[in-house]
Amino acid sequence: MTHEMIMAGFGGQGVMLMGQLLTYAGMIENKQVSWIPSYGPEMRGGTANCSVIVSDEPIGAPIVSEPDLVVAMNLPSLDKFEPLLQPGGILIINSSLIERGANRTDIKAYRVPANDLAAELGNTKTANMVIVGSLIGAAEVVSADAVLKAFAKMFAKKPELLAINEQAIRRGMEYIKGEK
């Protein structure tokens, strides 16, 4: 199976990390992967998005023009990328920062209060990992174990970050299970 994804939000929300983490987890599971970052003119506070492909088969081109999964961490990202989503695709909306739901009825949309759930865990910086957990719960792109292994490798020099981020990933997965 092939998953073509776009993750988008403001710079500083951890959008690139989400994409890198899923890509690395795909590699751990011996899948074919692609990750392409895209930044606005500013870094923190500007727009940021990345295209990620995780596939069981070779990837012909790394460009994602019609994603089957979109993550919108802020309203401008939702407005820009929701129309590109394939019919039947999955849309994950950070409802902590976006008041509206999906405009389309031909997709499966999940409103996840990522910032609020991260705050309940005691660290608002883990909102992106709540979204990663939500994505895993909604689409099963990669396993939670592979994501946690990837996180541990990426942050090997900061092992103190593993526990809170694992809690955030698992919280996102639990939230989606309650929404399905």
C-alpha atoms as a PDB file:
ATOM      1  CA  MET A   1       0.000   0.000   0.000  1.00  0.00           C
ATOM      2  CA  THR A   2       1.145   3.536  -0.751  1.00  0.00           C
ATOM      3  CA  HIS A   3       0.340   6.553   1.418  1.00  0.00           C
ATOM      4  CA  GLU A   4       0.936  10.020  -0.019  1.00  0.00           C
ATOM      5  CA  MET A   5       0.741  12.686   2.663  1.00  0.00           C
ATOM      6  CA  ILE A   6       1.050  16.416   3.143  1.00  0.00           C
ATOM      7  CA  MET A   7       1.667  17.785   6.611  1.00  0.00           C
ATOM      8  CA  ALA A   8       1.358  21.538   7.010  1.00  0.00           C
ATOM      9  CA  GLY A   9       1.317  24.290   9.605  1.00  0.00           C
ATOM     10  CA  PHE A  10       3.247  27.278  10.918  1.00  0.00           C
ATOM     11  CA  GLY A  11       7.018  27.098  11.245  1.00  0.00           C
ATOM     12  CA  GLY A  12       7.819  26.008  14.783  1.00  0.00           C
ATOM     13  CA  GLN A  13       4.915  23.535  15.091  1.00  0.00           C
ATOM     14  CA  GLY A  14       7.132  20.552  14.339  1.00  0.00           C
ATOM     15  CA  VAL A  15       5.688  19.814  10.899  1.00  0.00           C
ATOM     16  CA  MET A  16       9.050  18.830   9.424  1.00  0.00           C
ATOM     17  CA  LEU A  17       9.785  16.570  12.383  1.00  0.00           C
ATOM     18  CA  MET A  18       6.458  14.786  11.866  1.00  0.00           C
ATOM     19  CA  GLY A  19       7.377  14.086   8.260  1.00  0.00           C
ATOM     20  CA  GLN A  20      10.909  12.996   9.073  1.00  0.00           C
ATOM     21  CA  LEU A  21       9.685  10.718  11.851  1.00  0.00           C
ATOM     22  CA  LEU A  22       7.160   8.957   9.604  1.00  0.00           C
ATOM     23  CA  THR A  23       9.776   8.619   6.874  1.00  0.00           C
ATOM     24  CA  TYR A  24      12.321   7.149   9.282  1.00  0.00           C
ATOM     25  CA  ALA A  25       9.681   4.791  10.723  1.00  0.00           C
ATOM     26  CA  GLY A  26       8.905   3.637   7.193  1.00  0.00           C
ATOM     27  CA  MET A  27      12.589   2.903   6.655  1.00  0.00           C
ATOM     28  CA  ILE A  28      12.663   0.873   9.874  1.00  0.00           C
ATOM     29  CA  GLU A  29       9.791  -1.198   8.454  1.00  0.00           C
ATOM     30  CA  ASN A  30      11.737  -1.694   5.181  1.00  0.00           C
ATOM     31  CA  LYS A  31       9.305   0.432   3.185  1.00  0.00           C
ATOM     32  CA  GLN A  32      10.100   2.801   0.338  1.00  0.00           C
ATOM     33  CA  VAL A  33       9.982   6.427   1.520  1.00  0.00           C
ATOM     34  CA  SER A  34      10.241   9.999   0.306  1.00  0.00           C
ATOM     35  CA  TRP A  35      10.271  13.284   2.261  1.00  0.00           C
ATOM     36  CA  ILE A  36      10.330  16.746   0.707  1.00  0.00           C
ATOM     37  CA  PRO A  37      10.226  19.860   2.916  1.00  0.00           C
ATOM     38  CA  SER A  38       8.793  23.217   1.851  1.00  0.00           C
ATOM     39  CA  TYR A  39       9.187  26.436   3.826  1.00  0.00           C
ATOM     40  CA  GLY A  40       7.671  29.885   3.501  1.00  0.00           C
ATOM     41  CA  PRO A  41       9.939  32.956   3.505  1.00  0.00           C
ATOM     42  CA  GLU A  42      10.142  32.986   7.314  1.00  0.00           C
ATOM     43  CA  MET A  43      11.109  30.014   9.459  1.00  0.00           C
ATOM     44  CA  ARG A  44       9.341  30.287  12.820  1.00  0.00           C
ATOM     45  CA  GLY A  45       5.806  31.596  12.317  1.00  0.00           C
ATOM     46  CA  GLY A  46       5.901  31.287   8.505  1.00  0.00           C
ATOM     47  CA  THR A  47       4.244  28.496   6.604  1.00  0.00           C
ATOM     48  CA  ALA A  48       5.849  25.077   6.490  1.00  0.00           C
ATOM     49  CA  ASN A  49       4.778  21.836   4.903  1.00  0.00           C
ATOM     50  CA  CYS A  50       6.277  18.579   3.810  1.00  0.00           C
ATOM     51  CA  SER A  51       5.314  15.848   1.414  1.00  0.00           C
ATOM     52  CA  VAL A  52       5.810  12.281   2.597  1.00  0.00           C
ATOM     53  CA  ILE A  53       5.356   9.029   0.726  1.00  0.00           C
ATOM     54  CA  VAL A  54       5.497   5.666   2.493  1.00  0.00           C
ATOM     55  CA  SER A  55       5.033   2.683   0.214  1.00  0.00           C
ATOM     56  CA  ASP A  56       5.448  -1.071  -0.042  1.00  0.00           C
ATOM     57  CA  GLU A  57       6.454  -0.567  -3.686  1.00  0.00           C
ATOM     58  CA  PRO A  58       9.101   1.582  -5.402  1.00  0.00           C
ATOM     59  CA  ILE A  59       8.184   5.269  -5.543  1.00  0.00           C
ATOM     60  CA  GLY A  60       8.075   6.617  -9.091  1.00  0.00           C
ATOM     61  CA  ALA A  61       8.180  10.331  -8.219  1.00  0.00           C
ATOM     62  CA  PRO A  62       8.527  12.056  -4.847  1.00  0.00           C
ATOM     63  CA  ILE A  63       6.003  14.811  -5.619  1.00  0.00           C
ATOM     64  CA  VAL A  64       2.663  14.626  -3.806  1.00  0.00           C
ATOM     65  CA  SER A  65      -0.007  16.493  -5.761  1.00  0.00           C
ATOM     66  CA  GLU A  66      -3.088  14.459  -4.760  1.00  0.00           C
ATOM     67  CA  PRO A  67      -2.492  13.240  -1.197  1.00  0.00           C
ATOM     68  CA  ASP A  68      -4.590  10.548   0.422  1.00  0.00           C
ATOM     69  CA  LEU A  69      -3.791  12.031   3.834  1.00  0.00           C
ATOM     70  CA  VAL A  70      -3.499  15.682   4.908  1.00  0.00           C
ATOM     71  CA  VAL A  71      -2.554  17.048   8.314  1.00  0.00           C
ATOM     72  CA  ALA A  72      -3.518  20.690   8.898  1.00  0.00           C
ATOM     73  CA  MET A  73      -1.992  22.243  12.000  1.00  0.00           C
ATOM     74  CA  ASN A  74      -3.387  25.731  11.237  1.00  0.00           C
ATOM     75  CA  LEU A  75      -6.203  27.347   9.210  1.00  0.00           C
ATOM     76  CA  PRO A  76      -4.111  28.551   6.226  1.00  0.00           C
ATOM     77  CA  SER A  77      -2.868  24.972   5.800  1.00  0.00           C
ATOM     78  CA  LEU A  78      -6.402  23.581   5.947  1.00  0.00           C
ATOM     79  CA  ASP A  79      -7.588  26.106   3.366  1.00  0.00           C
ATOM     80  CA  LYS A  80      -4.675  25.331   1.043  1.00  0.00           C
ATOM     81  CA  PHE A  81      -4.464  21.542   1.237  1.00  0.00           C
ATOM     82  CA  GLU A  82      -8.002  20.266   1.901  1.00  0.00           C
ATOM     83  CA  PRO A  83      -8.999  20.779  -1.771  1.00  0.00           C
ATOM     84  CA  LEU A  84      -6.043  18.635  -2.923  1.00  0.00           C
ATOM     85  CA  LEU A  85      -7.067  15.603  -0.856  1.00  0.00           C
ATOM     86  CA  GLN A  86      -8.233  12.582  -2.856  1.00  0.00           C
ATOM     87  CA  PRO A  87     -11.890  11.588  -2.448  1.00  0.00           C
ATOM     88  CA  GLY A  88     -11.988   9.012   0.344  1.00  0.00           C
ATOM     89  CA  GLY A  89      -8.814  10.483   1.848  1.00  0.00           C
ATOM     90  CA  ILE A  90      -8.139  11.301   5.480  1.00  0.00           C
ATOM     91  CA  LEU A  91      -7.925  14.838   6.860  1.00  0.00           C
ATOM     92  CA  ILE A  92      -6.567  15.466  10.349  1.00  0.00           C
ATOM     93  CA  ILE A  93      -7.337  18.930  11.686  1.00  0.00           C
ATOM     94  CA  ASN A  94      -5.705  20.451  14.776  1.00  0.00           C
ATOM     95  CA  SER A  95      -8.966  21.641  16.326  1.00  0.00           C
ATOM     96  CA  SER A  96      -7.090  23.457  19.110  1.00  0.00           C
ATOM     97  CA  LEU A  97      -6.157  26.115  16.543  1.00  0.00           C
ATOM     98  CA  ILE A  98      -8.761  25.612  13.797  1.00  0.00           C
ATOM     99  CA  GLU A  99     -12.394  26.290  14.589  1.00  0.00           C
ATOM    100  CA  ARG A 100     -13.938  24.949  11.412  1.00  0.00           C
ATOM    101  CA  GLY A 101     -14.253  21.367  10.298  1.00  0.00           C
ATOM    102  CA  ALA A 102     -13.828  19.963   6.821  1.00  0.00           C
ATOM    103  CA  ASN A 103     -15.716  21.593   3.959  1.00  0.00           C
ATOM    104  CA  ARG A 104     -15.881  18.319   2.055  1.00  0.00           C
ATOM    105  CA  THR A 105     -18.142  15.335   2.614  1.00  0.00           C
ATOM    106  CA  ASP A 106     -16.239  12.873   0.399  1.00  0.00           C
ATOM    107  CA  ILE A 107     -13.368  12.474   2.888  1.00  0.00           C
ATOM    108  CA  LYS A 108     -12.917  11.216   6.443  1.00  0.00           C
ATOM    109  CA  ALA A 109     -12.063  14.152   8.698  1.00  0.00           C
ATOM    110  CA  TYR A 110     -10.824  13.983  12.274  1.00  0.00           C
ATOM    111  CA  ARG A 111     -10.784  17.044  14.516  1.00  0.00           C
ATOM    112  CA  VAL A 112      -8.011  16.453  17.047  1.00  0.00           C
ATOM    113  CA  PRO A 113      -7.416  19.032  19.821  1.00  0.00           C
ATOM    114  CA  ALA A 114      -3.671  18.405  19.649  1.00  0.00           C
ATOM    115  CA  ASN A 115      -2.497  21.423  21.633  1.00  0.00           C
ATOM    116  CA  ASP A 116      -5.063  20.773  24.371  1.00  0.00           C
ATOM    117  CA  LEU A 117      -4.164  17.081  24.630  1.00  0.00           C
ATOM    118  CA  ALA A 118      -0.462  17.967  24.757  1.00  0.00           C
ATOM    119  CA  ALA A 119      -1.157  20.506  27.513  1.00  0.00           C
ATOM    120  CA  GLU A 120      -2.982  17.793  29.502  1.00  0.00           C
ATOM    121  CA  LEU A 121       0.218  15.739  29.291  1.00  0.00           C
ATOM    122  CA  GLY A 122       2.167  18.695  30.651  1.00  0.00           C
ATOM    123  CA  ASN A 123       4.127  19.692  27.531  1.00  0.00           C
ATOM    124  CA  THR A 124       2.494  21.759  24.780  1.00  0.00           C
ATOM    125  CA  LYS A 125       5.505  21.168  22.518  1.00  0.00           C
ATOM    126  CA  THR A 126       4.279  17.593  21.975  1.00  0.00           C
ATOM    127  CA  ALA A 127       1.194  18.641  19.988  1.00  0.00           C
ATOM    128  CA  ASN A 128       2.895  17.423  16.813  1.00  0.00           C
ATOM    129  CA  MET A 129       3.421  13.978  18.356  1.00  0.00           C
ATOM    130  CA  VAL A 130      -0.266  13.843  19.334  1.00  0.00           C
ATOM    131  CA  ILE A 131      -0.969  14.409  15.637  1.00  0.00           C
ATOM    132  CA  VAL A 132       1.508  11.675  14.642  1.00  0.00           C
ATOM    133  CA  GLY A 133      -0.332   9.296  16.952  1.00  0.00           C
ATOM    134  CA  SER A 134      -3.640  10.397  15.450  1.00  0.00           C
ATOM    135  CA  LEU A 135      -2.304   9.775  11.964  1.00  0.00           C
ATOM    136  CA  ILE A 136      -1.134   6.281  12.916  1.00  0.00           C
ATOM    137  CA  GLY A 137      -4.515   5.567  14.497  1.00  0.00           C
ATOM    138  CA  ALA A 138      -6.447   6.826  11.473  1.00  0.00           C
ATOM    139  CA  ALA A 139      -4.373   5.419   8.618  1.00  0.00           C
ATOM    140  CA  GLU A 140      -1.879   2.874  10.008  1.00  0.00           C
ATOM    141  CA  VAL A 141       0.808   4.253   7.694  1.00  0.00           C
ATOM    142  CA  VAL A 142       3.494   2.761   9.953  1.00  0.00           C
ATOM    143  CA  SER A 143       3.373   1.018  13.324  1.00  0.00           C
ATOM    144  CA  ALA A 144       3.614   2.836  16.627  1.00  0.00           C
ATOM    145  CA  ASP A 145       6.636   0.672  17.471  1.00  0.00           C
ATOM    146  CA  ALA A 146       8.471   1.851  14.347  1.00  0.00           C
ATOM    147  CA  VAL A 147       7.657   5.488  15.158  1.00  0.00           C
ATOM    148  CA  LEU A 148       8.950   5.087  18.719  1.00  0.00           C
ATOM    149  CA  LYS A 149      12.134   3.390  17.473  1.00  0.00           C
ATOM    150  CA  ALA A 150      12.624   6.189  14.948  1.00  0.00           C
ATOM    151  CA  PHE A 151      12.081   8.831  17.641  1.00  0.00           C
ATOM    152  CA  ALA A 152      14.576   7.123  19.969  1.00  0.00           C
ATOM    153  CA  LYS A 153      17.197   7.066  17.202  1.00  0.00           C
ATOM    154  CA  MET A 154      16.560  10.647  16.097  1.00  0.00           C
ATOM    155  CA  PHE A 155      16.802  11.909  19.675  1.00  0.00           C
ATOM    156  CA  ALA A 156      19.456   9.506  20.962  1.00  0.00           C
ATOM    157  CA  LYS A 157      21.335  12.433  22.532  1.00  0.00           C
ATOM    158  CA  LYS A 158      18.186  13.617  24.330  1.00  0.00           C
ATOM    159  CA  PRO A 159      16.707  10.436  25.857  1.00  0.00           C
ATOM    160  CA  GLU A 160      14.740  12.485  28.377  1.00  0.00           C
ATOM    161  CA  LEU A 161      12.379  13.487  25.532  1.00  0.00           C
ATOM    162  CA  LEU A 162      11.310   9.937  24.751  1.00  0.00           C
ATOM    163  CA  ALA A 163       8.831   9.324  27.595  1.00  0.00           C
ATOM    164  CA  ILE A 164       6.701  12.466  27.120  1.00  0.00           C
ATOM    165  CA  ASN A 165       6.671  12.100  23.334  1.00  0.00           C
ATOM    166  CA  GLU A 166       5.695   8.434  23.602  1.00  0.00           C
ATOM    167  CA  GLN A 167       2.811   9.495  25.859  1.00  0.00           C
ATOM    168  CA  ALA A 168       1.767  12.090  23.267  1.00  0.00           C
ATOM    169  CA  ILE A 169       1.867   9.566  20.403  1.00  0.00           C
ATOM    170  CA  ARG A 170      -0.168   7.063  22.378  1.00  0.00           C
ATOM    171  CA  ARG A 171      -2.643   9.775  23.431  1.00  0.00           C
ATOM    172  CA  GLY A 172      -3.199  10.709  19.778  1.00  0.00           C
ATOM    173  CA  MET A 173      -3.812   7.066  18.880  1.00  0.00           C
ATOM    174  CA  GLU A 174      -6.306   6.678  21.749  1.00  0.00           C
ATOM    175  CA  TYR A 175      -8.117   9.845  20.726  1.00  0.00           C
ATOM    176  CA  ILE A 176      -8.631   8.569  17.171  1.00  0.00           C
ATOM    177  CA  LYS A 177      -9.863   5.188  18.421  1.00  0.00           C
ATOM    178  CA  GLY A 178     -12.555   7.085  20.301  1.00  0.00           C
ATOM    179  CA  GLU A 179     -13.484   8.995  17.129  1.00  0.00           C
ATOM    180  CA  LYS A 180     -13.726   6.017  14.737  1.00  0.00           C
END
